[in-house]
Protein backbone atom coordinates (compact mmCIF):
# COMPACT_ATOMS: atom_id res chain seq x y z
CA MET A 1 -77.40 10.55 -12.00
CA LYS A 2 -76.01 13.06 -14.51
CA ARG A 3 -77.70 16.42 -14.74
CA LEU A 4 -78.79 17.78 -18.12
CA VAL A 5 -80.15 21.18 -19.20
CA ILE A 6 -82.10 21.33 -22.46
CA LYS A 7 -82.83 24.69 -24.06
CA VAL A 8 -85.38 25.01 -26.84
CA GLY A 9 -85.89 28.14 -28.92
CA THR A 10 -88.92 30.00 -30.21
CA ALA A 11 -88.31 28.95 -33.82
CA VAL A 12 -88.62 25.29 -32.81
CA LEU A 13 -91.56 25.68 -30.46
CA THR A 14 -93.83 27.92 -32.52
CA ASN A 15 -95.24 28.12 -36.01
CA ASN A 16 -97.11 31.20 -37.29
CA ASN A 17 -97.30 32.57 -33.73
CA ASN A 18 -98.91 29.40 -32.39
CA ILE A 19 -97.48 26.51 -30.42
CA ALA A 20 -96.11 23.90 -32.83
CA LYS A 21 -97.91 21.02 -31.12
CA GLU A 22 -96.21 18.15 -32.95
CA ARG A 23 -92.71 19.52 -32.37
CA MET A 24 -93.53 20.18 -28.71
CA LEU A 25 -94.81 16.62 -28.32
CA ASN A 26 -91.63 15.27 -29.92
CA LEU A 27 -89.59 17.29 -27.43
CA VAL A 28 -91.68 16.12 -24.49
CA THR A 29 -91.37 12.51 -25.64
CA LEU A 30 -87.58 12.88 -25.80
CA ILE A 31 -87.46 14.42 -22.32
CA ALA A 32 -89.63 11.63 -20.93
CA THR A 33 -87.08 9.13 -22.23
CA LEU A 34 -84.10 11.17 -21.06
CA LYS A 35 -85.49 11.33 -17.53
CA LYS A 36 -84.77 7.62 -17.19
CA LYS A 37 -81.06 8.37 -17.63
CA TYR A 38 -80.64 11.99 -16.50
CA ASP A 39 -81.95 14.64 -14.13
CA VAL A 40 -83.43 17.06 -16.68
CA VAL A 41 -84.06 20.81 -16.51
CA LEU A 42 -85.83 22.49 -19.44
CA VAL A 43 -85.13 26.11 -20.43
CA THR A 44 -87.80 27.24 -22.85
CA SER A 45 -88.53 30.22 -25.06
CA GLY A 46 -91.86 30.86 -26.77
CA ALA A 47 -93.92 32.92 -24.32
CA VAL A 48 -93.83 36.15 -26.33
CA ALA A 49 -94.71 34.35 -29.57
CA ALA A 50 -97.52 32.42 -27.86
CA GLY A 51 -98.90 35.66 -26.46
CA TYR A 52 -99.18 37.11 -29.95
CA ALA A 53 -101.96 34.60 -30.63
CA THR A 54 -104.17 36.59 -28.23
CA LEU A 55 -102.61 40.08 -28.35
CA LYS A 56 -101.46 41.77 -31.54
CA LEU A 57 -98.94 44.11 -29.92
CA ASP A 58 -95.58 45.38 -31.11
CA LYS A 59 -92.93 43.21 -29.45
CA ARG A 60 -90.25 45.77 -30.32
CA LYS A 61 -91.70 48.06 -27.64
CA GLN A 62 -90.85 47.18 -24.05
CA ILE A 63 -94.42 47.23 -22.74
CA GLY A 64 -95.68 45.34 -25.78
CA LYS A 65 -93.14 42.56 -25.21
CA LYS A 66 -93.98 42.40 -21.49
CA ALA A 67 -97.71 42.22 -22.20
CA LEU A 68 -97.16 39.49 -24.79
CA ALA A 69 -95.01 37.52 -22.35
CA ALA A 70 -97.62 37.87 -19.61
CA ALA A 71 -100.35 36.56 -21.91
CA GLY A 72 -98.19 33.90 -23.49
CA GLN A 73 -96.55 32.35 -20.42
CA PRO A 74 -99.71 30.55 -19.19
CA ILE A 75 -100.49 29.46 -22.76
CA LEU A 76 -97.00 28.00 -23.08
CA MET A 77 -97.09 26.26 -19.69
CA THR A 78 -100.58 24.87 -20.32
CA ALA A 79 -99.40 23.42 -23.62
CA TYR A 80 -96.44 21.80 -21.88
CA LYS A 81 -98.61 20.43 -19.08
CA LYS A 82 -100.98 18.73 -21.51
CA LYS A 83 -98.05 17.03 -23.24
CA PHE A 84 -96.20 16.02 -20.06
CA ASP A 85 -99.45 14.68 -18.57
CA ILE A 86 -99.31 11.99 -21.24
CA TYR A 87 -96.18 10.64 -19.53
CA ASP A 88 -97.33 11.40 -15.96
CA ILE A 89 -94.57 13.97 -15.55
CA TYR A 90 -95.16 16.83 -13.13
CA THR A 91 -93.70 20.22 -14.02
CA ALA A 92 -92.77 23.42 -12.18
CA GLN A 93 -92.30 26.92 -13.59
CA ILE A 94 -89.25 28.99 -12.64
CA LEU A 95 -88.81 32.55 -13.97
CA LEU A 96 -85.36 34.13 -13.62
CA THR A 97 -83.49 37.33 -14.45
CA GLU A 98 -79.80 38.23 -14.45
CA ASP A 99 -80.16 39.53 -10.89
CA ASP A 100 -80.88 35.99 -9.69
CA PHE A 101 -77.31 35.08 -10.64
CA ASP A 102 -75.69 38.21 -9.15
CA SER A 103 -76.88 37.61 -5.61
CA ARG A 104 -75.51 34.65 -3.66
CA LYS A 105 -78.72 34.40 -1.63
CA ARG A 106 -80.98 34.49 -4.68
CA THR A 107 -78.79 32.07 -6.63
CA LYS A 108 -78.68 29.66 -3.70
CA MET A 109 -82.45 29.89 -3.38
CA PHE A 110 -83.24 28.88 -6.96
CA GLN A 111 -80.50 26.23 -6.86
CA GLU A 112 -82.21 24.66 -3.84
CA ILE A 113 -85.63 24.93 -5.49
CA ILE A 114 -84.39 23.14 -8.60
CA ASP A 115 -82.66 20.51 -6.46
CA ALA A 116 -85.92 19.94 -4.55
CA HIS A 117 -87.87 19.53 -7.79
CA LEU A 118 -85.38 17.05 -9.24
CA GLU A 119 -85.22 15.05 -6.01
CA ASN A 120 -89.01 14.70 -6.18
CA ASP A 121 -89.04 13.76 -9.89
CA ILE A 122 -90.53 17.09 -10.97
CA LEU A 123 -89.34 18.70 -14.20
CA PRO A 124 -88.29 22.36 -13.69
CA ILE A 125 -89.22 24.53 -16.69
CA VAL A 126 -87.20 27.76 -16.72
CA ASN A 127 -87.81 30.94 -18.67
CA GLU A 128 -86.59 34.52 -18.41
CA ASN A 129 -88.89 36.80 -16.43
CA ASP A 130 -89.72 39.35 -19.12
CA ILE A 131 -92.63 40.77 -17.14
CA THR A 132 -91.11 42.27 -13.99
CA SER A 133 -87.51 42.78 -15.09
CA THR A 134 -85.94 45.97 -16.36
CA PRO A 135 -83.71 46.12 -19.47
CA GLU A 136 -80.66 46.05 -17.19
CA GLN A 137 -81.84 42.77 -15.65
CA LEU A 138 -82.44 40.87 -18.88
CA PHE A 139 -80.16 38.31 -20.48
CA GLY A 140 -81.92 39.20 -23.72
CA ASP A 141 -81.97 35.63 -24.97
CA ASN A 142 -82.45 32.20 -23.44
CA ASP A 143 -79.17 30.88 -24.81
CA GLN A 144 -77.36 33.03 -22.24
CA LEU A 145 -79.90 32.13 -19.57
CA SER A 146 -79.55 28.39 -20.18
CA ALA A 147 -75.75 28.57 -19.96
CA ASN A 148 -75.95 30.39 -16.64
CA VAL A 149 -78.53 27.91 -15.34
CA ALA A 150 -76.42 24.94 -16.45
CA TYR A 151 -73.36 26.26 -14.65
CA ALA A 152 -75.25 27.36 -11.52
CA ILE A 153 -76.89 23.98 -10.95
CA GLY A 154 -73.78 21.95 -11.79
CA ALA A 155 -75.17 20.39 -14.96
CA ASP A 156 -72.92 18.00 -16.87
CA LEU A 157 -74.14 19.22 -20.24
CA LEU A 158 -76.23 21.94 -21.88
CA VAL A 159 -78.08 20.94 -25.05
CA ILE A 160 -79.36 23.77 -27.24
CA LEU A 161 -82.05 22.68 -29.69
CA SER A 162 -82.17 25.17 -32.54
CA ASP A 163 -83.23 25.63 -36.16
CA ILE A 164 -79.72 24.73 -37.33
CA ASP A 165 -77.76 21.46 -37.34
CA GLY A 166 -74.78 22.91 -35.51
CA TYR A 167 -72.00 25.46 -35.98
CA PHE A 168 -70.63 25.75 -39.52
CA ASP A 169 -67.50 27.33 -40.96
CA LYS A 170 -69.82 29.63 -42.96
CA ASN A 171 -73.54 30.24 -43.36
CA PRO A 172 -75.06 26.97 -44.70
CA GLN A 173 -78.07 28.90 -45.99
CA GLU A 174 -75.82 30.84 -48.34
CA TYR A 175 -73.03 28.37 -49.07
CA LYS A 176 -73.67 24.78 -50.15
CA ASP A 177 -70.09 23.80 -49.31
CA ALA A 178 -70.40 24.94 -45.68
CA LYS A 179 -68.91 22.38 -43.29
CA ILE A 180 -70.09 21.69 -39.78
CA TYR A 181 -67.71 21.71 -36.83
CA ARG A 182 -68.19 18.41 -35.02
CA THR A 183 -66.16 19.35 -31.94
CA MET A 184 -64.73 22.65 -30.71
CA ASN A 185 -62.74 23.35 -27.58
CA GLU A 186 -62.77 27.12 -27.91
CA VAL A 187 -64.82 29.76 -29.67
CA PRO A 188 -62.92 32.21 -31.91
CA LYS A 189 -63.16 35.75 -30.55
CA ASP A 190 -64.25 37.18 -33.91
CA ALA A 191 -67.18 34.74 -34.00
CA LEU A 192 -68.57 36.32 -30.85
CA ILE A 193 -68.97 39.74 -32.45
CA ASP A 194 -70.37 38.77 -35.84
CA ILE A 195 -73.66 40.42 -36.74
CA SER A 196 -76.30 37.71 -36.77
CA SER A 197 -80.08 37.80 -36.64
CA PRO A 198 -82.52 35.00 -35.83
CA ASN A 199 -84.81 33.55 -38.48
CA ASN A 200 -87.95 33.98 -36.39
CA GLU A 201 -89.27 37.50 -35.68
CA PHE A 202 -90.10 36.51 -32.09
CA ALA A 203 -86.75 34.86 -31.42
CA THR A 204 -84.09 36.90 -29.65
CA GLY A 205 -81.08 34.70 -30.37
CA GLY A 206 -79.01 33.70 -33.37
CA ILE A 207 -75.78 31.77 -33.82
CA VAL A 208 -73.76 34.42 -31.94
CA THR A 209 -75.80 34.05 -28.75
CA LYS A 210 -75.30 30.30 -28.91
CA LEU A 211 -71.57 30.75 -29.34
CA LYS A 212 -71.53 33.13 -26.38
CA ALA A 213 -73.31 30.46 -24.32
CA ALA A 214 -70.73 27.90 -25.42
CA ASP A 215 -67.87 30.30 -24.65
CA TYR A 216 -69.28 30.97 -21.17
CA LEU A 217 -69.41 27.25 -20.38
CA LEU A 218 -66.08 26.30 -21.98
CA LYS A 219 -64.29 28.87 -19.84
CA ARG A 220 -65.82 27.20 -16.79
CA GLY A 221 -64.94 23.64 -17.80
CA LYS A 222 -68.45 22.72 -18.95
CA ARG A 223 -69.80 21.12 -22.14
CA MET A 224 -72.49 22.21 -24.60
CA PHE A 225 -74.08 20.40 -27.54
CA LEU A 226 -75.76 22.39 -30.32
CA CYS A 227 -78.10 20.50 -32.65
CA ASN A 228 -81.36 20.62 -34.56
CA GLY A 229 -84.65 20.86 -32.67
CA PHE A 230 -86.87 20.23 -35.68
CA ASP A 231 -85.33 16.79 -36.17
CA LEU A 232 -84.36 15.36 -32.78
CA SER A 233 -82.50 12.33 -34.14
CA ALA A 234 -79.06 13.89 -33.52
CA ALA A 235 -79.99 14.73 -29.93
CA GLU A 236 -81.40 11.25 -29.38
CA SER A 237 -78.29 9.56 -30.77
CA PHE A 238 -75.91 11.69 -28.72
CA LEU A 239 -77.82 11.60 -25.43
CA LEU A 240 -79.26 8.09 -25.47
CA GLU A 241 -76.76 6.10 -27.53
CA ASP A 242 -73.53 8.10 -27.05
CA LYS A 243 -73.27 8.46 -30.84
CA HIS A 244 -72.25 11.81 -32.32
CA THR A 245 -74.01 11.69 -35.70
CA LEU A 246 -74.66 15.41 -36.23
CA GLY A 247 -74.42 18.61 -34.23
CA THR A 248 -71.52 20.50 -32.65
CA LEU A 249 -70.05 19.49 -29.31
CA PHE A 250 -68.28 22.28 -27.43
CA GLU A 251 -65.92 20.57 -25.03
CA PRO A 252 -63.07 21.94 -22.88
CA ALA A 253 -59.62 21.10 -24.24
CA LYS A 254 -58.52 19.26 -21.11
CA GLU A 255 -61.40 16.82 -21.54
CA ILE A 256 -60.49 16.20 -25.17
CA GLU A 257 -56.82 15.62 -24.28
CA SER A 258 -57.71 13.13 -21.54
CA LYS A 259 -59.70 10.89 -23.90
């Protein structure tokens, strides 16, 4: 069975610092369907934003962010559990830092843990460990984390669900004539250094972090699909029907040439 990593961002999962229950349910419903076709691993953001519902701390300060993450992680996982219980899907929580990918022993350990979960039909839910890590140990965004997870566990595809439809030739919020790239086999170097900020104050990504994730995977012969997480129809069409209706597929050139 093919292995799939799905990453969902804070902007999709939360609304006004609360879990966006309907959007989360839509995501869970999609994953429940995908599990019939794929081995699925979920990389999720949202803990810091969820924590803000109980603690009004400044996330820009290191301790504030850690405290918010500590309060928000159980809120986030409880919300997921309630939704996955509807489909009788068991979940497991895995918290990682950059150090887990720098040590062969630690990497092998979490690889084996994820393998064990998938073999027993348990859905691994991965997030960055904001609480115990130091700034030097942080990816800083879950786009980078999800790309590293996808490569480490031998996933066939990473799907990033975001607040945008895909990667455009210019900012679609500013330019009505912006055109989406349907398929890319490399990421332009200048696109990786553009200044870009996320739309949600609790999000840590932006289009650049997604392009960096794509670049990381492309250089390792892996694929990534970037699409909208508010409207999951593009993801459903691509993953369940093999129809590329919307979204950007980042695919190594050798795979494109062989088709």
